[in-house]
Amino acid sequence: MLLNELDMVSAQLTAVTYPNIQARTESGAALVIQTNQKQREDPAFWQSIRAILKAQLWVPVSKRLHQLTDSDWLMPATPVSQA
């Protein structure tokens, strides 16, 4: 199941300047992705972000908070009730 399109926007990273990440949306709008304390202190996170920037991949970003999602493009599976 895909995330609600009203909550997320596709963004391509354009620059990485600690502690923020610059990106642009599919419509060309610029935005700054905010990082949290855990991300700022994680060298593996910054290595991954630089690899995403180099590969020019698109990432899901919260429209309201301008943050990366930790679940990629998919929502967690909801349990199916058995009758």
C-alpha atoms as a PDB file:
ATOM      1  CA  MET A   1       0.000   0.000   0.000  1.00  0.00           C
ATOM      2  CA  LEU A   2       1.415   3.408  -0.941  1.00  0.00           C
ATOM      3  CA  LEU A   3       1.575   6.309   1.462  1.00  0.00           C
ATOM      4  CA  ASN A   4      -1.153   8.907   1.163  1.00  0.00           C
ATOM      5  CA  GLU A   5      -0.119  11.255  -1.638  1.00  0.00           C
ATOM      6  CA  LEU A   6      -1.460  14.191   0.375  1.00  0.00           C
ATOM      7  CA  ASP A   7       1.103  13.594   3.138  1.00  0.00           C
ATOM      8  CA  MET A   8       4.234  12.916   1.053  1.00  0.00           C
ATOM      9  CA  VAL A   9       6.037  14.524  -1.839  1.00  0.00           C
ATOM     10  CA  SER A  10       8.770  13.110  -4.088  1.00  0.00           C
ATOM     11  CA  ALA A  11      12.021  15.018  -3.774  1.00  0.00           C
ATOM     12  CA  GLN A  12      15.427  14.766  -5.388  1.00  0.00           C
ATOM     13  CA  LEU A  13      18.367  15.830  -3.254  1.00  0.00           C
ATOM     14  CA  THR A  14      20.322  18.791  -4.640  1.00  0.00           C
ATOM     15  CA  ALA A  15      22.850  19.527  -1.867  1.00  0.00           C
ATOM     16  CA  VAL A  16      23.938  18.229   1.504  1.00  0.00           C
ATOM     17  CA  THR A  17      25.041  20.868   4.006  1.00  0.00           C
ATOM     18  CA  TYR A  18      25.096  19.648   7.580  1.00  0.00           C
ATOM     19  CA  PRO A  19      22.655  19.677   9.353  1.00  0.00           C
ATOM     20  CA  ASN A  20      20.184  20.201   6.505  1.00  0.00           C
ATOM     21  CA  ILE A  21      19.574  18.659   3.118  1.00  0.00           C
ATOM     22  CA  GLN A  22      18.406  20.707   0.137  1.00  0.00           C
ATOM     23  CA  ALA A  23      16.038  19.106  -2.353  1.00  0.00           C
ATOM     24  CA  ARG A  24      13.594  19.896  -5.127  1.00  0.00           C
ATOM     25  CA  THR A  25      10.183  18.418  -5.736  1.00  0.00           C
ATOM     26  CA  GLU A  26       8.897  16.983  -9.004  1.00  0.00           C
ATOM     27  CA  SER A  27       7.239  20.339  -9.659  1.00  0.00           C
ATOM     28  CA  GLY A  28      10.589  22.112  -9.184  1.00  0.00           C
ATOM     29  CA  ALA A  29       9.884  23.663  -5.784  1.00  0.00           C
ATOM     30  CA  ALA A  30      12.923  23.958  -3.516  1.00  0.00           C
ATOM     31  CA  LEU A  31      12.740  22.677   0.032  1.00  0.00           C
ATOM     32  CA  VAL A  32      15.042  22.087   2.964  1.00  0.00           C
ATOM     33  CA  ILE A  33      14.781  18.684   4.603  1.00  0.00           C
ATOM     34  CA  GLN A  34      15.152  18.945   8.369  1.00  0.00           C
ATOM     35  CA  THR A  35      17.206  16.297  10.157  1.00  0.00           C
ATOM     36  CA  ASN A  36      16.611  15.083  13.691  1.00  0.00           C
ATOM     37  CA  GLN A  37      19.223  14.662  16.434  1.00  0.00           C
ATOM     38  CA  LYS A  38      19.681  10.937  15.778  1.00  0.00           C
ATOM     39  CA  GLN A  39      20.293  11.549  12.055  1.00  0.00           C
ATOM     40  CA  ARG A  40      22.712  14.407  12.749  1.00  0.00           C
ATOM     41  CA  GLU A  41      24.827  12.133  14.967  1.00  0.00           C
ATOM     42  CA  ASP A  42      24.823   9.130  12.599  1.00  0.00           C
ATOM     43  CA  PRO A  43      27.782   8.958  10.151  1.00  0.00           C
ATOM     44  CA  ALA A  44      26.087   6.097   8.251  1.00  0.00           C
ATOM     45  CA  PHE A  45      23.046   8.326   7.644  1.00  0.00           C
ATOM     46  CA  TRP A  46      25.208  11.050   6.067  1.00  0.00           C
ATOM     47  CA  GLN A  47      27.074   8.493   3.973  1.00  0.00           C
ATOM     48  CA  SER A  48      23.723   7.165   2.710  1.00  0.00           C
ATOM     49  CA  ILE A  49      22.430  10.670   1.987  1.00  0.00           C
ATOM     50  CA  ARG A  50      25.542  11.493  -0.054  1.00  0.00           C
ATOM     51  CA  ALA A  51      25.093   8.243  -2.019  1.00  0.00           C
ATOM     52  CA  ILE A  52      21.433   9.142  -2.707  1.00  0.00           C
ATOM     53  CA  LEU A  53      22.535  12.613  -3.851  1.00  0.00           C
ATOM     54  CA  LYS A  54      25.196  11.157  -6.163  1.00  0.00           C
ATOM     55  CA  ALA A  55      22.750   8.611  -7.638  1.00  0.00           C
ATOM     56  CA  GLN A  56      20.091  11.332  -8.089  1.00  0.00           C
ATOM     57  CA  LEU A  57      17.409   9.159  -6.502  1.00  0.00           C
ATOM     58  CA  TRP A  58      13.978  10.427  -5.485  1.00  0.00           C
ATOM     59  CA  VAL A  59      13.007  10.123  -1.830  1.00  0.00           C
ATOM     60  CA  PRO A  60       9.699  10.528   0.045  1.00  0.00           C
ATOM     61  CA  VAL A  61       9.501  13.676   2.154  1.00  0.00           C
ATOM     62  CA  SER A  62       6.777  14.727   4.560  1.00  0.00           C
ATOM     63  CA  LYS A  63       4.971  17.753   3.134  1.00  0.00           C
ATOM     64  CA  ARG A  64       4.142  19.227   6.516  1.00  0.00           C
ATOM     65  CA  LEU A  65       7.376  18.571   8.432  1.00  0.00           C
ATOM     66  CA  HIS A  66       9.876  18.430   5.521  1.00  0.00           C
ATOM     67  CA  GLN A  67      11.458  15.286   6.945  1.00  0.00           C
ATOM     68  CA  LEU A  68      12.529  12.034   5.344  1.00  0.00           C
ATOM     69  CA  THR A  69      10.335   9.060   6.127  1.00  0.00           C
ATOM     70  CA  ASP A  70      11.787   6.049   7.892  1.00  0.00           C
ATOM     71  CA  SER A  71       9.526   3.595   6.061  1.00  0.00           C
ATOM     72  CA  ASP A  72      10.357   4.523   2.464  1.00  0.00           C
ATOM     73  CA  TRP A  73       7.301   4.679   0.179  1.00  0.00           C
ATOM     74  CA  LEU A  74       5.348   1.883   1.867  1.00  0.00           C
ATOM     75  CA  MET A  75       3.028   1.975   4.835  1.00  0.00           C
ATOM     76  CA  PRO A  76       3.315  -0.725   7.485  1.00  0.00           C
ATOM     77  CA  ALA A  77       1.117  -3.718   6.759  1.00  0.00           C
ATOM     78  CA  THR A  78      -2.149  -3.792   8.639  1.00  0.00           C
ATOM     79  CA  PRO A  79      -3.140  -7.115  10.143  1.00  0.00           C
ATOM     80  CA  VAL A  80      -5.954  -8.898   8.362  1.00  0.00           C
ATOM     81  CA  SER A  81      -8.686 -10.052  10.688  1.00  0.00           C
ATOM     82  CA  GLN A  82      -9.789 -13.601  10.212  1.00  0.00           C
ATOM     83  CA  ALA A  83     -13.489 -14.249  10.647  1.00  0.00           C
END
